[in-house]
Amino acid sequence: AYQGHVIPIVIAVYIMSFIENKLHKIVPEMIDLFV
């Protein structure tokens, strides 16, 4: 696990936010909440 680490979680959430925002644009609104 990553107890005590700082930089990896910042980078991971940056990637997560990028993926999430891209998916919001391409996934139909009807299934966006689940997919």
PDB file of all heavy atoms in Angstrom:
ATOM      1  N   ALA A   1       0.831  -1.205   0.000  1.00  0.00           N
ATOM      2  CA  ALA A   1       0.000   0.000   0.000  1.00  0.00           C
ATOM      3  C   ALA A   1       0.867   1.258   0.000  1.00  0.00           C
ATOM      4  O   ALA A   1       2.102   1.185   0.020  1.00  0.00           O
ATOM      5  CB  ALA A   1      -0.938  -0.013   1.207  1.00  0.00           C
ATOM      6  N   TYR A   2       0.224   2.423   0.008  1.00  0.00           N
ATOM      7  CA  TYR A   2       0.914   3.697  -0.197  1.00  0.00           C
ATOM      8  C   TYR A   2       0.779   4.634   1.003  1.00  0.00           C
ATOM      9  O   TYR A   2       0.663   5.838   0.843  1.00  0.00           O
ATOM     10  CB  TYR A   2       0.379   4.365  -1.466  1.00  0.00           C
ATOM     11  CG  TYR A   2       0.802   3.638  -2.716  1.00  0.00           C
ATOM     12  CD1 TYR A   2       0.096   2.527  -3.161  1.00  0.00           C
ATOM     13  CD2 TYR A   2       1.925   4.027  -3.421  1.00  0.00           C
ATOM     14  CE1 TYR A   2       0.496   1.841  -4.289  1.00  0.00           C
ATOM     15  CE2 TYR A   2       2.336   3.355  -4.556  1.00  0.00           C
ATOM     16  CZ  TYR A   2       1.617   2.258  -4.985  1.00  0.00           C
ATOM     17  OH  TYR A   2       2.028   1.568  -6.108  1.00  0.00           O
ATOM     18  N   GLN A   3       0.818   4.051   2.215  1.00  0.00           N
ATOM     19  CA  GLN A   3       0.794   4.892   3.407  1.00  0.00           C
ATOM     20  C   GLN A   3       1.969   5.872   3.388  1.00  0.00           C
ATOM     21  O   GLN A   3       3.104   5.482   3.121  1.00  0.00           O
ATOM     22  CB  GLN A   3       0.875   4.040   4.681  1.00  0.00           C
ATOM     23  CG  GLN A   3      -0.395   3.314   5.034  1.00  0.00           C
ATOM     24  CD  GLN A   3      -0.500   1.945   4.381  1.00  0.00           C
ATOM     25  OE1 GLN A   3       0.356   1.555   3.588  1.00  0.00           O
ATOM     26  NE2 GLN A   3      -1.544   1.209   4.711  1.00  0.00           N
ATOM     27  N   GLY A   4       1.658   7.146   3.657  1.00  0.00           N
ATOM     28  CA  GLY A   4       2.711   8.149   3.764  1.00  0.00           C
ATOM     29  C   GLY A   4       3.183   8.750   2.460  1.00  0.00           C
ATOM     30  O   GLY A   4       4.008   9.665   2.467  1.00  0.00           O
ATOM     31  N   HIS A   5       2.680   8.281   1.327  1.00  0.00           N
ATOM     32  CA  HIS A   5       3.134   8.818   0.047  1.00  0.00           C
ATOM     33  C   HIS A   5       2.227   9.951  -0.421  1.00  0.00           C
ATOM     34  O   HIS A   5       1.024   9.971  -0.144  1.00  0.00           O
ATOM     35  CB  HIS A   5       3.203   7.718  -1.004  1.00  0.00           C
ATOM     36  CG  HIS A   5       4.332   6.765  -0.769  1.00  0.00           C
ATOM     37  ND1 HIS A   5       5.645   7.122  -0.971  1.00  0.00           N
ATOM     38  CD2 HIS A   5       4.349   5.489  -0.317  1.00  0.00           C
ATOM     39  CE1 HIS A   5       6.430   6.088  -0.671  1.00  0.00           C
ATOM     40  NE2 HIS A   5       5.659   5.086  -0.263  1.00  0.00           N
ATOM     41  N   VAL A   6       2.802  10.878  -1.152  1.00  0.00           N
ATOM     42  CA  VAL A   6       2.112  12.114  -1.524  1.00  0.00           C
ATOM     43  C   VAL A   6       1.982  12.254  -3.035  1.00  0.00           C
ATOM     44  O   VAL A   6       0.885  12.391  -3.577  1.00  0.00           O
ATOM     45  CB  VAL A   6       2.861  13.336  -0.943  1.00  0.00           C
ATOM     46  CG1 VAL A   6       2.217  14.637  -1.416  1.00  0.00           C
ATOM     47  CG2 VAL A   6       2.870  13.278   0.583  1.00  0.00           C
ATOM     48  N   ILE A   7       3.111  12.218  -3.729  1.00  0.00           N
ATOM     49  CA  ILE A   7       3.120  12.483  -5.168  1.00  0.00           C
ATOM     50  C   ILE A   7       2.301  11.460  -5.960  1.00  0.00           C
ATOM     51  O   ILE A   7       1.550  11.844  -6.866  1.00  0.00           O
ATOM     52  CB  ILE A   7       4.569  12.556  -5.693  1.00  0.00           C
ATOM     53  CG1 ILE A   7       5.297  13.740  -5.054  1.00  0.00           C
ATOM     54  CG2 ILE A   7       4.584  12.710  -7.219  1.00  0.00           C
ATOM     55  CD1 ILE A   7       6.760  13.862  -5.454  1.00  0.00           C
ATOM     56  N   PRO A   8       2.404  10.149  -5.668  1.00  0.00           N
ATOM     57  CA  PRO A   8       1.637   9.174  -6.481  1.00  0.00           C
ATOM     58  C   PRO A   8       0.138   9.430  -6.493  1.00  0.00           C
ATOM     59  O   PRO A   8      -0.503   9.274  -7.541  1.00  0.00           O
ATOM     60  CB  PRO A   8       1.974   7.836  -5.809  1.00  0.00           C
ATOM     61  CG  PRO A   8       3.303   8.047  -5.182  1.00  0.00           C
ATOM     62  CD  PRO A   8       3.291   9.464  -4.705  1.00  0.00           C
ATOM     63  N   ILE A   9      -0.444   9.825  -5.373  1.00  0.00           N
ATOM     64  CA  ILE A   9      -1.892  10.035  -5.341  1.00  0.00           C
ATOM     65  C   ILE A   9      -2.277  11.280  -6.144  1.00  0.00           C
ATOM     66  O   ILE A   9      -3.323  11.308  -6.800  1.00  0.00           O
ATOM     67  CB  ILE A   9      -2.419  10.123  -3.888  1.00  0.00           C
ATOM     68  CG1 ILE A   9      -3.934  10.325  -3.866  1.00  0.00           C
ATOM     69  CG2 ILE A   9      -1.734  11.231  -3.125  1.00  0.00           C
ATOM     70  CD1 ILE A   9      -4.712   9.218  -4.495  1.00  0.00           C
ATOM     71  N   VAL A  10      -1.437  12.308  -6.134  1.00  0.00           N
ATOM     72  CA  VAL A  10      -1.724  13.506  -6.941  1.00  0.00           C
ATOM     73  C   VAL A  10      -1.749  13.141  -8.417  1.00  0.00           C
ATOM     74  O   VAL A  10      -2.669  13.534  -9.156  1.00  0.00           O
ATOM     75  CB  VAL A  10      -0.677  14.614  -6.672  1.00  0.00           C
ATOM     76  CG1 VAL A  10      -0.926  15.813  -7.587  1.00  0.00           C
ATOM     77  CG2 VAL A  10      -0.741  15.051  -5.213  1.00  0.00           C
ATOM     78  N   ILE A  11      -0.754  12.398  -8.868  1.00  0.00           N
ATOM     79  CA  ILE A  11      -0.676  11.996 -10.273  1.00  0.00           C
ATOM     80  C   ILE A  11      -1.849  11.079 -10.628  1.00  0.00           C
ATOM     81  O   ILE A  11      -2.473  11.209 -11.696  1.00  0.00           O
ATOM     82  CB  ILE A  11       0.659  11.290 -10.570  1.00  0.00           C
ATOM     83  CG1 ILE A  11       1.842  12.187 -10.210  1.00  0.00           C
ATOM     84  CG2 ILE A  11       0.727  10.881 -12.033  1.00  0.00           C
ATOM     85  CD1 ILE A  11       1.887  13.502 -10.964  1.00  0.00           C
ATOM     86  N   ALA A  12      -2.165  10.147  -9.728  1.00  0.00           N
ATOM     87  CA  ALA A  12      -3.258   9.200  -9.987  1.00  0.00           C
ATOM     88  C   ALA A  12      -4.587   9.926 -10.154  1.00  0.00           C
ATOM     89  O   ALA A  12      -5.373   9.614 -11.058  1.00  0.00           O
ATOM     90  CB  ALA A  12      -3.348   8.189  -8.846  1.00  0.00           C
ATOM     91  N   VAL A  13      -4.855  10.907  -9.305  1.00  0.00           N
ATOM     92  CA  VAL A  13      -6.134  11.632  -9.377  1.00  0.00           C
ATOM     93  C   VAL A  13      -6.160  12.560 -10.590  1.00  0.00           C
ATOM     94  O   VAL A  13      -7.220  12.795 -11.173  1.00  0.00           O
ATOM     95  CB  VAL A  13      -6.396  12.410  -8.073  1.00  0.00           C
ATOM     96  CG1 VAL A  13      -7.647  13.270  -8.189  1.00  0.00           C
ATOM     97  CG2 VAL A  13      -6.548  11.433  -6.907  1.00  0.00           C
ATOM     98  N   TYR A  14      -5.006  13.060 -10.995  1.00  0.00           N
ATOM     99  CA  TYR A  14      -4.949  13.845 -12.239  1.00  0.00           C
ATOM    100  C   TYR A  14      -5.383  12.967 -13.419  1.00  0.00           C
ATOM    101  O   TYR A  14      -6.189  13.386 -14.257  1.00  0.00           O
ATOM    102  CB  TYR A  14      -3.543  14.386 -12.465  1.00  0.00           C
ATOM    103  CG  TYR A  14      -3.363  15.054 -13.807  1.00  0.00           C
ATOM    104  CD1 TYR A  14      -3.821  16.352 -14.023  1.00  0.00           C
ATOM    105  CD2 TYR A  14      -2.769  14.375 -14.877  1.00  0.00           C
ATOM    106  CE1 TYR A  14      -3.677  16.968 -15.263  1.00  0.00           C
ATOM    107  CE2 TYR A  14      -2.628  14.976 -16.118  1.00  0.00           C
ATOM    108  CZ  TYR A  14      -3.085  16.271 -16.301  1.00  0.00           C
ATOM    109  OH  TYR A  14      -2.959  16.867 -17.530  1.00  0.00           O
ATOM    110  N   ILE A  15      -4.860  11.739 -13.472  1.00  0.00           N
ATOM    111  CA  ILE A  15      -5.237  10.802 -14.536  1.00  0.00           C
ATOM    112  C   ILE A  15      -6.719  10.461 -14.431  1.00  0.00           C
ATOM    113  O   ILE A  15      -7.441  10.405 -15.435  1.00  0.00           O
ATOM    114  CB  ILE A  15      -4.368   9.535 -14.455  1.00  0.00           C
ATOM    115  CG1 ILE A  15      -2.913   9.875 -14.779  1.00  0.00           C
ATOM    116  CG2 ILE A  15      -4.886   8.453 -15.400  1.00  0.00           C
ATOM    117  CD1 ILE A  15      -1.942   8.748 -14.515  1.00  0.00           C
ATOM    118  N   MET A  16      -7.180  10.214 -13.206  1.00  0.00           N
ATOM    119  CA  MET A  16      -8.592   9.890 -12.992  1.00  0.00           C
ATOM    120  C   MET A  16      -9.504  11.005 -13.500  1.00  0.00           C
ATOM    121  O   MET A  16     -10.508  10.756 -14.177  1.00  0.00           O
ATOM    122  CB  MET A  16      -8.843   9.670 -11.502  1.00  0.00           C
ATOM    123  CG  MET A  16     -10.273   9.290 -11.157  1.00  0.00           C
ATOM    124  SD  MET A  16     -10.818   9.961  -9.573  1.00  0.00           S
ATOM    125  CE  MET A  16     -11.195  11.668 -10.034  1.00  0.00           C
ATOM    126  N   SER A  17      -9.157  12.254 -13.179  1.00  0.00           N
ATOM    127  CA  SER A  17      -9.984  13.387 -13.591  1.00  0.00           C
ATOM    128  C   SER A  17     -10.007  13.528 -15.109  1.00  0.00           C
ATOM    129  O   SER A  17     -11.050  13.844 -15.701  1.00  0.00           O
ATOM    130  CB  SER A  17      -9.450  14.675 -12.945  1.00  0.00           C
ATOM    131  OG  SER A  17      -9.461  14.582 -11.535  1.00  0.00           O
ATOM    132  N   PHE A  18      -8.855  13.278 -15.730  1.00  0.00           N
ATOM    133  CA  PHE A  18      -8.777  13.341 -17.195  1.00  0.00           C
ATOM    134  C   PHE A  18      -9.689  12.286 -17.825  1.00  0.00           C
ATOM    135  O   PHE A  18     -10.476  12.582 -18.738  1.00  0.00           O
ATOM    136  CB  PHE A  18      -7.330  13.135 -17.645  1.00  0.00           C
ATOM    137  CG  PHE A  18      -7.151  13.097 -19.130  1.00  0.00           C
ATOM    138  CD1 PHE A  18      -7.074  14.274 -19.868  1.00  0.00           C
ATOM    139  CD2 PHE A  18      -7.070  11.883 -19.802  1.00  0.00           C
ATOM    140  CE1 PHE A  18      -6.920  14.236 -21.249  1.00  0.00           C
ATOM    141  CE2 PHE A  18      -6.910  11.841 -21.187  1.00  0.00           C
ATOM    142  CZ  PHE A  18      -6.837  13.028 -21.902  1.00  0.00           C
ATOM    143  N   ILE A  19      -9.591  11.048 -17.332  1.00  0.00           N
ATOM    144  CA  ILE A  19     -10.418   9.963 -17.873  1.00  0.00           C
ATOM    145  C   ILE A  19     -11.893  10.242 -17.632  1.00  0.00           C
ATOM    146  O   ILE A  19     -12.733  10.076 -18.533  1.00  0.00           O
ATOM    147  CB  ILE A  19     -10.016   8.622 -17.229  1.00  0.00           C
ATOM    148  CG1 ILE A  19      -8.594   8.235 -17.650  1.00  0.00           C
ATOM    149  CG2 ILE A  19     -11.007   7.517 -17.612  1.00  0.00           C
ATOM    150  CD1 ILE A  19      -8.046   7.027 -16.924  1.00  0.00           C
ATOM    151  N   GLU A  20     -12.233  10.665 -16.416  1.00  0.00           N
ATOM    152  CA  GLU A  20     -13.630  10.925 -16.077  1.00  0.00           C
ATOM    153  C   GLU A  20     -14.237  11.988 -16.986  1.00  0.00           C
ATOM    154  O   GLU A  20     -15.346  11.829 -17.521  1.00  0.00           O
ATOM    155  CB  GLU A  20     -13.735  11.368 -14.616  1.00  0.00           C
ATOM    156  CG  GLU A  20     -15.166  11.654 -14.170  1.00  0.00           C
ATOM    157  CD  GLU A  20     -15.234  12.374 -12.848  1.00  0.00           C
ATOM    158  OE1 GLU A  20     -14.174  12.709 -12.283  1.00  0.00           O
ATOM    159  OE2 GLU A  20     -16.367  12.620 -12.377  1.00  0.00           O
ATOM    160  N   ASN A  21     -13.532  13.085 -17.174  1.00  0.00           N
ATOM    161  CA  ASN A  21     -14.065  14.180 -17.996  1.00  0.00           C
ATOM    162  C   ASN A  21     -14.196  13.784 -19.459  1.00  0.00           C
ATOM    163  O   ASN A  21     -15.127  14.213 -20.146  1.00  0.00           O
ATOM    164  CB  ASN A  21     -13.174  15.423 -17.843  1.00  0.00           C
ATOM    165  CG  ASN A  21     -13.311  16.065 -16.475  1.00  0.00           C
ATOM    166  OD1 ASN A  21     -14.399  16.097 -15.897  1.00  0.00           O
ATOM    167  ND2 ASN A  21     -12.224  16.582 -15.933  1.00  0.00           N
ATOM    168  N   LYS A  22     -13.264  12.960 -19.948  1.00  0.00           N
ATOM    169  CA  LYS A  22     -13.371  12.469 -21.325  1.00  0.00           C
ATOM    170  C   LYS A  22     -14.596  11.569 -21.485  1.00  0.00           C
ATOM    171  O   LYS A  22     -15.331  11.657 -22.477  1.00  0.00           O
ATOM    172  CB  LYS A  22     -12.100  11.699 -21.711  1.00  0.00           C
ATOM    173  CG  LYS A  22     -10.882  12.574 -21.962  1.00  0.00           C
ATOM    174  CD  LYS A  22     -11.067  13.427 -23.212  1.00  0.00           C
ATOM    175  CE  LYS A  22      -9.825  14.233 -23.522  1.00  0.00           C
ATOM    176  NZ  LYS A  22     -10.016  15.117 -24.714  1.00  0.00           N
ATOM    177  N   LEU A  23     -14.822  10.721 -20.504  1.00  0.00           N
ATOM    178  CA  LEU A  23     -15.961   9.809 -20.566  1.00  0.00           C
ATOM    179  C   LEU A  23     -17.291  10.552 -20.487  1.00  0.00           C
ATOM    180  O   LEU A  23     -18.261  10.173 -21.151  1.00  0.00           O
ATOM    181  CB  LEU A  23     -15.867   8.773 -19.436  1.00  0.00           C
ATOM    182  CG  LEU A  23     -14.779   7.709 -19.595  1.00  0.00           C
ATOM    183  CD1 LEU A  23     -14.692   6.846 -18.345  1.00  0.00           C
ATOM    184  CD2 LEU A  23     -15.038   6.843 -20.823  1.00  0.00           C
ATOM    185  N   HIS A  24     -17.342  11.602 -19.694  1.00  0.00           N
ATOM    186  CA  HIS A  24     -18.574  12.395 -19.598  1.00  0.00           C
ATOM    187  C   HIS A  24     -18.987  12.948 -20.971  1.00  0.00           C
ATOM    188  O   HIS A  24     -20.177  13.135 -21.250  1.00  0.00           O
ATOM    189  CB  HIS A  24     -18.394  13.558 -18.623  1.00  0.00           C
ATOM    190  CG  HIS A  24     -18.530  13.170 -17.176  1.00  0.00           C
ATOM    191  ND1 HIS A  24     -19.554  12.375 -16.708  1.00  0.00           N
ATOM    192  CD2 HIS A  24     -17.760  13.478 -16.101  1.00  0.00           C
ATOM    193  CE1 HIS A  24     -19.411  12.204 -15.407  1.00  0.00           C
ATOM    194  NE2 HIS A  24     -18.334  12.857 -15.007  1.00  0.00           N
ATOM    195  N   LYS A  25     -18.000  13.191 -21.837  1.00  0.00           N
ATOM    196  CA  LYS A  25     -18.274  13.774 -23.144  1.00  0.00           C
ATOM    197  C   LYS A  25     -18.735  12.737 -24.170  1.00  0.00           C
ATOM    198  O   LYS A  25     -19.436  13.077 -25.122  1.00  0.00           O
ATOM    199  CB  LYS A  25     -17.028  14.493 -23.668  1.00  0.00           C
ATOM    200  CG  LYS A  25     -16.633  15.716 -22.848  1.00  0.00           C
ATOM    201  CD  LYS A  25     -15.360  16.352 -23.395  1.00  0.00           C
ATOM    202  CE  LYS A  25     -14.952  17.560 -22.567  1.00  0.00           C
ATOM    203  NZ  LYS A  25     -13.688  18.180 -23.063  1.00  0.00           N
ATOM    204  N   ILE A  26     -18.326  11.473 -23.973  1.00  0.00           N
ATOM    205  CA  ILE A  26     -18.617  10.474 -25.008  1.00  0.00           C
ATOM    206  C   ILE A  26     -19.668   9.438 -24.585  1.00  0.00           C
ATOM    207  O   ILE A  26     -20.279   8.800 -25.436  1.00  0.00           O
ATOM    208  CB  ILE A  26     -17.333   9.742 -25.463  1.00  0.00           C
ATOM    209  CG1 ILE A  26     -16.697   8.988 -24.289  1.00  0.00           C
ATOM    210  CG2 ILE A  26     -16.338  10.734 -26.046  1.00  0.00           C
ATOM    211  CD1 ILE A  26     -15.458   8.181 -24.681  1.00  0.00           C
ATOM    212  N   VAL A  27     -19.868   9.281 -23.277  1.00  0.00           N
ATOM    213  CA  VAL A  27     -20.854   8.299 -22.797  1.00  0.00           C
ATOM    214  C   VAL A  27     -22.242   8.937 -22.817  1.00  0.00           C
ATOM    215  O   VAL A  27     -22.420  10.058 -22.329  1.00  0.00           O
ATOM    216  CB  VAL A  27     -20.510   7.830 -21.368  1.00  0.00           C
ATOM    217  CG1 VAL A  27     -21.612   6.917 -20.813  1.00  0.00           C
ATOM    218  CG2 VAL A  27     -19.170   7.111 -21.355  1.00  0.00           C
ATOM    219  N   PRO A  28     -23.245   8.279 -23.381  1.00  0.00           N
ATOM    220  CA  PRO A  28     -24.609   8.819 -23.400  1.00  0.00           C
ATOM    221  C   PRO A  28     -25.091   9.143 -21.986  1.00  0.00           C
ATOM    222  O   PRO A  28     -24.804   8.413 -21.034  1.00  0.00           O
ATOM    223  CB  PRO A  28     -25.435   7.690 -24.018  1.00  0.00           C
ATOM    224  CG  PRO A  28     -24.450   6.907 -24.827  1.00  0.00           C
ATOM    225  CD  PRO A  28     -23.157   6.989 -24.084  1.00  0.00           C
ATOM    226  N   GLU A  29     -25.817  10.237 -21.865  1.00  0.00           N
ATOM    227  CA  GLU A  29     -26.255  10.713 -20.563  1.00  0.00           C
ATOM    228  C   GLU A  29     -27.082   9.666 -19.818  1.00  0.00           C
ATOM    229  O   GLU A  29     -27.023   9.574 -18.581  1.00  0.00           O
ATOM    230  CB  GLU A  29     -27.071  11.999 -20.736  1.00  0.00           C
ATOM    231  CG  GLU A  29     -27.413  12.675 -19.412  1.00  0.00           C
ATOM    232  CD  GLU A  29     -28.099  14.004 -19.618  1.00  0.00           C
ATOM    233  OE1 GLU A  29     -28.144  14.498 -20.764  1.00  0.00           O
ATOM    234  OE2 GLU A  29     -28.602  14.559 -18.617  1.00  0.00           O
ATOM    235  N   MET A  30     -27.826   8.835 -20.549  1.00  0.00           N
ATOM    236  CA  MET A  30     -28.690   7.841 -19.922  1.00  0.00           C
ATOM    237  C   MET A  30     -27.893   6.844 -19.069  1.00  0.00           C
ATOM    238  O   MET A  30     -28.366   6.377 -18.019  1.00  0.00           O
ATOM    239  CB  MET A  30     -29.472   7.090 -20.999  1.00  0.00           C
ATOM    240  CG  MET A  30     -30.415   6.019 -20.455  1.00  0.00           C
ATOM    241  SD  MET A  30     -31.283   5.155 -21.770  1.00  0.00           S
ATOM    242  CE  MET A  30     -32.227   6.478 -22.511  1.00  0.00           C
ATOM    243  N   ILE A  31     -26.691   6.490 -19.509  1.00  0.00           N
ATOM    244  CA  ILE A  31     -25.896   5.498 -18.784  1.00  0.00           C
ATOM    245  C   ILE A  31     -24.626   6.093 -18.176  1.00  0.00           C
ATOM    246  O   ILE A  31     -23.793   5.373 -17.630  1.00  0.00           O
ATOM    247  CB  ILE A  31     -25.524   4.321 -19.714  1.00  0.00           C
ATOM    248  CG1 ILE A  31     -24.730   4.824 -20.933  1.00  0.00           C
ATOM    249  CG2 ILE A  31     -26.770   3.569 -20.160  1.00  0.00           C
ATOM    250  CD1 ILE A  31     -24.192   3.709 -21.812  1.00  0.00           C
ATOM    251  N   ASP A  32     -24.487   7.402 -18.282  1.00  0.00           N
ATOM    252  CA  ASP A  32     -23.275   8.066 -17.792  1.00  0.00           C
ATOM    253  C   ASP A  32     -23.058   7.818 -16.305  1.00  0.00           C
ATOM    254  O   ASP A  32     -21.928   7.597 -15.854  1.00  0.00           O
ATOM    255  CB  ASP A  32     -23.360   9.570 -18.072  1.00  0.00           C
ATOM    256  CG  ASP A  32     -22.115  10.319 -17.620  1.00  0.00           C
ATOM    257  OD1 ASP A  32     -21.014   9.948 -18.072  1.00  0.00           O
ATOM    258  OD2 ASP A  32     -22.243  11.247 -16.803  1.00  0.00           O
ATOM    259  N   LEU A  33     -24.120   7.872 -15.518  1.00  0.00           N
ATOM    260  CA  LEU A  33     -24.009   7.721 -14.070  1.00  0.00           C
ATOM    261  C   LEU A  33     -23.417   6.372 -13.681  1.00  0.00           C
ATOM    262  O   LEU A  33     -22.719   6.256 -12.669  1.00  0.00           O
ATOM    263  CB  LEU A  33     -25.391   7.889 -13.420  1.00  0.00           C
ATOM    264  CG  LEU A  33     -25.461   7.688 -11.900  1.00  0.00           C
ATOM    265  CD1 LEU A  33     -24.620   8.743 -11.193  1.00  0.00           C
ATOM    266  CD2 LEU A  33     -26.904   7.725 -11.418  1.00  0.00           C
ATOM    267  N   PHE A  34     -23.664   5.334 -14.507  1.00  0.00           N
ATOM    268  CA  PHE A  34     -23.187   3.996 -14.180  1.00  0.00           C
ATOM    269  C   PHE A  34     -21.845   3.696 -14.835  1.00  0.00           C
ATOM    270  O   PHE A  34     -20.935   3.168 -14.196  1.00  0.00           O
ATOM    271  CB  PHE A  34     -24.219   2.953 -14.622  1.00  0.00           C
ATOM    272  CG  PHE A  34     -25.605   3.233 -14.106  1.00  0.00           C
ATOM    273  CD1 PHE A  34     -26.567   3.787 -14.939  1.00  0.00           C
ATOM    274  CD2 PHE A  34     -25.937   2.966 -12.795  1.00  0.00           C
ATOM    275  CE1 PHE A  34     -27.844   4.058 -14.470  1.00  0.00           C
ATOM    276  CE2 PHE A  34     -27.204   3.227 -12.316  1.00  0.00           C
ATOM    277  CZ  PHE A  34     -28.169   3.778 -13.154  1.00  0.00           C
ATOM    278  N   VAL A  35     -21.744   4.031 -16.123  1.00  0.00           N
ATOM    279  CA  VAL A  35     -20.563   3.640 -16.895  1.00  0.00           C
ATOM    280  C   VAL A  35     -19.331   4.452 -16.512  1.00  0.00           C
ATOM    281  O   VAL A  35     -18.250   3.889 -16.289  1.00  0.00           O
ATOM    282  CB  VAL A  35     -20.845   3.788 -18.414  1.00  0.00           C
ATOM    283  CG1 VAL A  35     -19.558   3.553 -19.213  1.00  0.00           C
ATOM    284  CG2 VAL A  35     -21.920   2.811 -18.851  1.00  0.00           C
TER     285      VAL A  35
END
